[in-house]
Amino acid sequence: MNNDLSLEITLLELADIPQLVNCVRNCYGESYPNTLMYDKQGLEEIIQKKLMHSVVAKLNNGQIVGHCALTFDGAHNVSPEAGKMMVDPSFRGHHIAESMAKKRIDIANELALPGFWTECVTNHVYSQHEMIAFNAKEIGLFIGDTPATISMKGLENHPDTRMSLLTFYLSLNDRPHTLFIPTHHAGHAKVLANDSNLERKIVSPKTKGSGTTTFHTVLNSSIQTANISIDRIGSDLIPAVNHELRKLEALDLASIYLDIPLEQEAAANAYCELESIGFFWGSWMPNFTTKGDSLRLQKIYQAVDVETILCARTQGNDIKNYVISEWARVAQNKNLSRP
């Protein structure tokens, strides 16, 4: 309870969905990248399926002035995304975001989650400081993930470049794993695991995939991105991914992401092969699936001003520099556009 405003931090009720949509518009107008947040029926469906657990800040008159959520990718996803954080500009300065974030952690513990990850904007560092205060750790950077058309009311925006997102992970109930990562990234992976206090054994075999590669793709046309998730690393990985890329590249996307399942022994070699077609390090995703950790690679198709990326502390800047340098290295090797 916030005594200054007499508001309640509580789970979203279905009857409050119209008020939530109003809150989104008060914060972003019509520019919020996840169009689901304007879709009353879509919100009701995802909440009833328990794929999204929403926390809201609610005034006595029923008005919703803040929101955040845990959102699952599907039944396979066990460390969900903690996101969709927003506070009505008229009610900022009352620690509403912090109160909602605390409630979100309570929900994650009730669900017995190993942890959750989040994407923090980099046009300011406020949301990064909130995650740091809860002992979350920086784990990656998605360059130019969101369009310049997204406007946060009352905050600094950069209308001339796409905005990058710094990823964090908050561990609650970790599940140790073995990660198969190529030698030239093993050191970085160890630093991330150690800084995050997560028990990981990192090995770098040269095992190649066998059989047929299987994957699924999700297109997010509202922000011009797509995500290819590899389910099984086969011997035909690169031909299979290239075939999918030809279809996606025809859509004039800004970025294409690709998730590698790090519990598969062929993952280390697969990463090297994927670098050969322009993918580079994005973010480690601990406990992302029921089987283990994932690594999200990225391939960038539009120019991004990396000088606009702000990080709250040294750990974030170290990851920023690592990812940008990897982008430059892979792009140079493939004669692609680079920072």
Protein backbone atom coordinates (compact mmCIF):
# COMPACT_ATOMS: atom_id res chain seq x y z
CA MET A 1 0.00 0.00 0.00
CA ASN A 2 1.25 3.48 -0.92
CA ASN A 3 -0.09 5.78 1.83
CA ASP A 4 0.54 8.99 -0.12
CA LEU A 5 -1.79 7.95 -2.91
CA SER A 6 -3.99 5.37 -1.13
CA LEU A 7 -3.39 2.91 -3.94
CA GLU A 8 -3.27 -0.88 -3.94
CA ILE A 9 -0.60 -3.07 -5.50
CA THR A 10 -2.49 -6.16 -6.58
CA LEU A 11 -3.02 -8.77 -9.27
CA LEU A 12 -4.96 -7.60 -12.30
CA GLU A 13 -8.61 -8.66 -12.37
CA LEU A 14 -10.29 -9.30 -15.70
CA ALA A 15 -12.79 -6.53 -14.99
CA ASP A 16 -9.90 -4.04 -14.79
CA ILE A 17 -8.57 -4.71 -18.31
CA PRO A 18 -10.21 -1.57 -19.83
CA GLN A 19 -8.50 0.53 -17.15
CA LEU A 20 -5.18 -1.17 -17.96
CA VAL A 21 -5.52 -0.25 -21.63
CA ASN A 22 -6.19 3.36 -20.58
CA CYS A 23 -2.99 3.25 -18.49
CA VAL A 24 -0.98 2.07 -21.52
CA ARG A 25 -2.32 5.00 -23.55
CA ASN A 26 -1.56 7.45 -20.75
CA CYS A 27 2.06 6.21 -20.75
CA TYR A 28 2.74 5.65 -24.45
CA GLY A 29 -0.13 7.00 -26.51
CA GLU A 30 -0.46 4.56 -29.39
CA SER A 31 3.29 3.83 -29.65
CA TYR A 32 3.67 0.87 -27.25
CA PRO A 33 5.41 -1.88 -29.26
CA ASN A 34 3.43 -4.83 -27.87
CA THR A 35 0.02 -4.28 -29.45
CA LEU A 36 -1.47 -6.95 -27.17
CA MET A 37 -1.58 -4.28 -24.46
CA TYR A 38 -4.29 -2.45 -26.43
CA ASP A 39 -6.30 -5.61 -27.14
CA LYS A 40 -8.87 -6.22 -24.39
CA GLN A 41 -9.89 -9.66 -25.66
CA GLY A 42 -6.28 -10.73 -26.25
CA LEU A 43 -5.33 -9.67 -22.73
CA GLU A 44 -8.21 -11.64 -21.26
CA GLU A 45 -7.17 -14.77 -23.17
CA ILE A 46 -3.48 -14.67 -22.20
CA ILE A 47 -4.34 -14.04 -18.54
CA GLN A 48 -6.87 -16.85 -18.42
CA LYS A 49 -4.30 -19.21 -19.96
CA LYS A 50 -1.89 -18.14 -17.18
CA LEU A 51 0.71 -17.09 -19.74
CA MET A 52 0.75 -13.59 -18.23
CA HIS A 53 0.59 -12.71 -14.53
CA SER A 54 -0.08 -8.98 -14.25
CA VAL A 55 0.53 -6.70 -11.27
CA VAL A 56 -1.18 -3.31 -11.21
CA ALA A 57 -1.20 -0.15 -9.11
CA LYS A 58 -4.83 0.71 -8.56
CA LEU A 59 -6.35 3.87 -7.06
CA ASN A 60 -9.42 3.81 -4.83
CA ASN A 61 -11.54 5.01 -7.75
CA GLY A 62 -10.50 1.99 -9.84
CA GLN A 63 -8.04 3.85 -12.07
CA ILE A 64 -4.91 1.85 -12.92
CA VAL A 65 -1.79 3.99 -12.83
CA GLY A 66 0.91 1.30 -13.15
CA HIS A 67 1.51 -2.18 -14.51
CA CYS A 68 4.13 -4.90 -14.80
CA ALA A 69 3.93 -8.61 -15.61
CA LEU A 70 5.56 -12.01 -15.84
CA THR A 71 4.97 -13.31 -19.36
CA PHE A 72 5.65 -16.87 -20.49
CA ASP A 73 6.66 -17.77 -24.05
CA GLY A 74 4.67 -21.00 -23.81
CA ALA A 75 4.58 -24.27 -21.90
CA HIS A 76 8.30 -24.84 -22.61
CA ASN A 77 9.32 -21.53 -20.96
CA VAL A 78 10.11 -21.77 -17.22
CA SER A 79 11.97 -18.47 -16.67
CA PRO A 80 9.49 -15.92 -18.02
CA GLU A 81 10.06 -12.35 -19.10
CA ALA A 82 9.45 -9.73 -16.44
CA GLY A 83 8.34 -6.72 -18.40
CA LYS A 84 5.53 -4.44 -19.52
CA MET A 85 6.51 -2.11 -16.69
CA MET A 86 4.88 1.30 -16.91
CA VAL A 87 3.74 4.07 -14.58
CA ASP A 88 1.36 6.86 -15.56
CA PRO A 89 3.48 10.04 -15.92
CA SER A 90 1.13 11.90 -13.56
CA PHE A 91 1.96 9.45 -10.76
CA ARG A 92 5.73 9.04 -11.09
CA GLY A 93 7.95 9.77 -8.11
CA HIS A 94 5.98 7.66 -5.62
CA HIS A 95 8.04 4.43 -5.92
CA ILE A 96 5.14 2.70 -7.65
CA ALA A 97 7.41 0.75 -10.01
CA GLU A 98 9.44 -0.53 -7.07
CA SER A 99 6.30 -1.64 -5.21
CA MET A 100 4.97 -3.47 -8.26
CA ALA A 101 8.34 -5.13 -8.84
CA LYS A 102 8.35 -6.45 -5.26
CA LYS A 103 4.89 -7.93 -5.77
CA ARG A 104 6.07 -9.52 -9.02
CA ILE A 105 8.89 -11.29 -7.17
CA ASP A 106 6.36 -12.58 -4.64
CA ILE A 107 4.33 -14.06 -7.50
CA ALA A 108 7.44 -15.63 -9.05
CA ASN A 109 8.25 -17.29 -5.73
CA GLU A 110 4.67 -18.53 -5.39
CA LEU A 111 5.01 -20.09 -8.85
CA ALA A 112 8.32 -21.72 -7.75
CA LEU A 113 10.16 -20.25 -10.74
CA PRO A 114 13.95 -20.68 -11.07
CA GLY A 115 14.10 -16.98 -11.93
CA PHE A 116 13.03 -14.47 -14.55
CA TRP A 117 14.66 -12.20 -17.09
CA THR A 118 13.85 -8.70 -18.20
CA GLU A 119 14.74 -6.20 -20.92
CA CYS A 120 15.59 -2.71 -19.66
CA VAL A 121 15.50 0.29 -21.97
CA THR A 122 18.77 2.13 -22.51
CA ASN A 123 17.54 5.65 -23.30
CA HIS A 124 17.62 6.09 -19.50
CA VAL A 125 18.87 3.99 -16.57
CA TYR A 126 15.92 4.18 -14.15
CA SER A 127 14.59 0.68 -14.87
CA GLN A 128 18.13 -0.74 -14.76
CA HIS A 129 18.62 0.69 -11.25
CA GLU A 130 15.33 -0.92 -10.18
CA MET A 131 16.52 -4.36 -11.31
CA ILE A 132 19.96 -3.84 -9.72
CA ALA A 133 18.26 -2.97 -6.42
CA PHE A 134 16.70 -6.45 -6.45
CA ASN A 135 20.13 -8.02 -7.15
CA ALA A 136 19.39 -8.86 -10.78
CA LYS A 137 22.44 -9.26 -13.03
CA GLU A 138 23.17 -8.02 -16.55
CA ILE A 139 23.29 -10.92 -19.03
CA GLY A 140 23.12 -9.42 -22.54
CA LEU A 141 22.22 -6.64 -24.95
CA PHE A 142 19.78 -6.58 -27.87
CA ILE A 143 20.94 -3.88 -30.27
CA GLY A 144 18.25 -1.75 -31.89
CA ASP A 145 15.41 -3.98 -30.74
CA THR A 146 12.63 -1.39 -30.64
CA PRO A 147 11.63 1.29 -33.18
CA ALA A 148 12.47 4.96 -32.78
CA THR A 149 8.73 5.64 -33.06
CA ILE A 150 8.19 4.40 -29.49
CA SER A 151 7.81 7.43 -27.24
CA MET A 152 7.87 7.37 -23.41
CA LYS A 153 6.00 10.36 -22.09
CA GLY A 154 8.11 12.50 -19.77
CA LEU A 155 11.39 10.68 -20.52
CA GLU A 156 14.28 11.21 -22.93
CA ASN A 157 13.72 9.63 -26.34
CA HIS A 158 15.97 9.28 -29.40
CA PRO A 159 13.70 9.60 -32.45
CA ASP A 160 16.56 9.12 -34.94
CA THR A 161 17.66 5.61 -33.95
CA ARG A 162 16.21 2.30 -32.82
CA MET A 163 16.52 1.66 -29.09
CA SER A 164 18.62 -1.14 -27.59
CA LEU A 165 17.62 -3.24 -24.57
CA LEU A 166 19.93 -4.41 -21.77
CA THR A 167 18.87 -7.81 -20.41
CA PHE A 168 18.95 -8.79 -16.73
CA TYR A 169 18.30 -12.06 -14.90
CA LEU A 170 17.03 -12.41 -11.35
CA SER A 171 17.77 -15.85 -9.92
CA LEU A 172 15.33 -17.25 -7.37
CA ASN A 173 15.70 -21.04 -7.39
CA ASP A 174 18.47 -21.91 -9.81
CA ARG A 175 18.90 -25.25 -11.55
CA PRO A 176 22.59 -25.97 -12.38
CA HIS A 177 23.39 -26.95 -15.96
CA THR A 178 26.21 -27.84 -18.33
CA LEU A 179 26.56 -25.32 -21.15
CA PHE A 180 28.09 -26.14 -24.53
CA ILE A 181 29.70 -22.91 -25.73
CA PRO A 182 32.54 -22.32 -28.24
CA THR A 183 36.02 -21.72 -26.86
CA HIS A 184 36.21 -18.06 -27.87
CA HIS A 185 33.08 -17.25 -25.81
CA ALA A 186 33.74 -19.58 -22.86
CA GLY A 187 35.54 -16.88 -20.87
CA HIS A 188 32.68 -14.41 -21.26
CA ALA A 189 30.14 -17.09 -20.33
CA LYS A 190 32.10 -17.94 -17.17
CA VAL A 191 32.19 -14.28 -16.14
CA LEU A 192 28.43 -14.00 -16.62
CA ALA A 193 27.75 -17.18 -14.64
CA ASN A 194 30.09 -16.13 -11.81
CA ASP A 195 28.69 -12.59 -11.64
CA SER A 196 25.16 -14.03 -11.55
CA ASN A 197 26.10 -16.58 -8.86
CA LEU A 198 24.79 -19.40 -11.04
CA GLU A 199 26.42 -22.83 -11.04
CA ARG A 200 27.35 -23.70 -14.62
CA LYS A 201 29.85 -26.12 -16.10
CA ILE A 202 31.08 -24.72 -19.42
CA VAL A 203 32.58 -27.05 -22.02
CA SER A 204 33.56 -26.49 -25.64
CA PRO A 205 33.35 -29.70 -27.70
CA LYS A 206 33.42 -29.67 -31.50
CA THR A 207 30.51 -32.08 -31.79
CA LYS A 208 28.38 -31.51 -34.88
CA GLY A 209 24.65 -31.88 -35.07
CA SER A 210 23.10 -34.99 -36.58
CA GLY A 211 19.77 -35.67 -38.22
CA THR A 212 17.30 -32.95 -39.17
CA THR A 213 17.20 -29.50 -37.62
CA THR A 214 13.85 -28.52 -36.14
CA PHE A 215 12.82 -25.00 -35.18
CA HIS A 216 9.90 -22.61 -34.90
CA THR A 217 9.70 -18.92 -35.82
CA VAL A 218 7.73 -16.05 -34.32
CA LEU A 219 7.32 -12.80 -36.27
CA ASN A 220 6.81 -9.50 -34.43
CA SER A 221 5.82 -7.20 -37.25
CA SER A 222 4.98 -4.30 -34.90
CA ILE A 223 8.69 -3.81 -34.10
CA GLN A 224 10.10 -5.40 -37.30
CA THR A 225 11.77 -8.38 -35.65
CA ALA A 226 11.56 -12.17 -35.81
CA ASN A 227 12.78 -14.93 -33.53
CA ILE A 228 13.94 -18.35 -34.74
CA SER A 229 14.05 -20.89 -31.90
CA ILE A 230 16.10 -24.01 -32.59
CA ASP A 231 14.53 -27.07 -30.98
CA ARG A 232 17.01 -29.63 -32.30
CA ILE A 233 20.44 -28.93 -33.82
CA GLY A 234 20.82 -31.13 -36.89
CA SER A 235 23.52 -31.63 -39.50
CA ASP A 236 21.55 -29.35 -41.85
CA LEU A 237 21.45 -26.38 -39.44
CA ILE A 238 22.88 -23.73 -41.76
CA PRO A 239 20.88 -24.72 -44.88
CA ALA A 240 17.73 -24.84 -42.74
CA VAL A 241 18.37 -21.43 -41.17
CA ASN A 242 19.36 -19.88 -44.50
CA HIS A 243 16.11 -21.10 -46.04
CA GLU A 244 14.17 -19.44 -43.21
CA LEU A 245 16.26 -16.26 -43.48
CA ARG A 246 15.39 -15.86 -47.16
CA LYS A 247 11.71 -15.73 -46.25
CA LEU A 248 12.22 -13.37 -43.32
CA GLU A 249 14.62 -11.01 -45.07
CA ALA A 250 11.96 -10.35 -47.72
CA LEU A 251 9.93 -8.67 -44.94
CA ASP A 252 12.50 -5.88 -44.46
CA LEU A 253 13.04 -6.60 -40.76
CA ALA A 254 15.33 -4.63 -38.46
CA SER A 255 16.64 -7.63 -36.50
CA ILE A 256 16.37 -11.41 -36.51
CA TYR A 257 17.07 -13.35 -33.32
CA LEU A 258 17.99 -17.00 -33.03
CA ASP A 259 17.84 -19.10 -29.86
CA ILE A 260 20.29 -21.99 -29.40
CA PRO A 261 19.56 -24.68 -26.77
CA LEU A 262 22.80 -24.74 -24.80
CA GLU A 263 22.12 -28.17 -23.25
CA GLN A 264 22.68 -29.81 -26.63
CA GLU A 265 26.30 -30.89 -27.16
CA ALA A 266 26.26 -29.60 -30.74
CA ALA A 267 25.50 -26.05 -29.53
CA ALA A 268 29.17 -24.94 -29.41
CA ASN A 269 29.84 -25.89 -33.01
CA ALA A 270 26.42 -24.56 -34.08
CA TYR A 271 27.31 -21.13 -32.69
CA CYS A 272 30.46 -21.01 -34.84
CA GLU A 273 28.48 -22.02 -37.91
CA LEU A 274 25.85 -19.36 -37.24
CA GLU A 275 28.55 -16.68 -36.94
CA SER A 276 29.47 -17.55 -40.52
CA ILE A 277 26.07 -16.27 -41.68
CA GLY A 278 26.11 -13.09 -39.60
CA PHE A 279 24.67 -13.99 -36.19
CA PHE A 280 26.46 -12.76 -33.07
CA TRP A 281 26.11 -12.85 -29.27
CA GLY A 282 22.95 -11.27 -27.86
CA SER A 283 22.03 -12.63 -24.45
CA TRP A 284 22.44 -15.68 -22.28
CA MET A 285 18.99 -16.87 -21.10
CA PRO A 286 19.36 -18.97 -17.90
CA ASN A 287 16.73 -21.67 -17.29
CA PHE A 288 14.80 -20.44 -20.30
CA THR A 289 13.24 -23.80 -21.13
CA THR A 290 12.33 -26.94 -19.24
CA LYS A 291 15.54 -28.49 -20.61
CA GLY A 292 18.00 -25.77 -19.65
CA ASP A 293 19.63 -22.50 -20.72
CA SER A 294 19.42 -20.83 -24.11
CA LEU A 295 21.62 -18.34 -25.93
CA ARG A 296 19.89 -15.70 -28.04
CA LEU A 297 21.95 -14.56 -31.03
CA GLN A 298 21.09 -11.56 -33.16
CA LYS A 299 21.52 -10.40 -36.74
CA ILE A 300 21.10 -6.67 -37.40
CA TYR A 301 19.77 -5.23 -40.65
CA GLN A 302 19.39 -1.52 -39.81
CA ALA A 303 21.80 1.15 -38.59
CA VAL A 304 21.79 1.79 -34.83
CA ASP A 305 23.47 4.65 -32.96
CA VAL A 306 25.19 2.70 -30.18
CA GLU A 307 26.32 5.95 -28.53
CA THR A 308 22.74 6.39 -27.25
CA ILE A 309 22.99 3.17 -25.18
CA LEU A 310 23.16 4.11 -21.48
CA CYS A 311 24.15 1.57 -18.80
CA ALA A 312 23.73 2.06 -15.07
CA ARG A 313 27.03 0.47 -13.98
CA THR A 314 30.31 -1.11 -15.09
CA GLN A 315 28.83 -4.61 -15.56
CA GLY A 316 26.35 -3.26 -18.08
CA ASN A 317 29.00 -1.30 -19.93
CA ASP A 318 31.22 -4.39 -20.09
CA ILE A 319 28.41 -6.37 -21.73
CA LYS A 320 27.61 -3.47 -24.05
CA ASN A 321 31.23 -3.32 -25.21
CA TYR A 322 31.43 -7.10 -25.62
CA VAL A 323 28.29 -7.34 -27.74
CA ILE A 324 29.18 -4.34 -29.90
CA SER A 325 32.69 -5.69 -30.48
CA GLU A 326 31.22 -9.06 -31.47
CA TRP A 327 28.90 -7.33 -33.91
CA ALA A 328 31.88 -5.56 -35.46
CA ARG A 329 34.00 -8.72 -35.60
CA VAL A 330 31.34 -10.92 -37.18
CA ALA A 331 30.24 -8.18 -39.59
CA GLN A 332 33.82 -7.56 -40.70
CA ASN A 333 34.37 -11.25 -41.34
CA LYS A 334 31.19 -11.39 -43.43
CA ASN A 335 31.55 -7.92 -44.98
CA LEU A 336 28.23 -6.87 -43.39
CA SER A 337 27.11 -3.51 -41.99
CA ARG A 338 28.60 -2.90 -38.55
CA PRO A 339 28.67 -0.26 -35.78
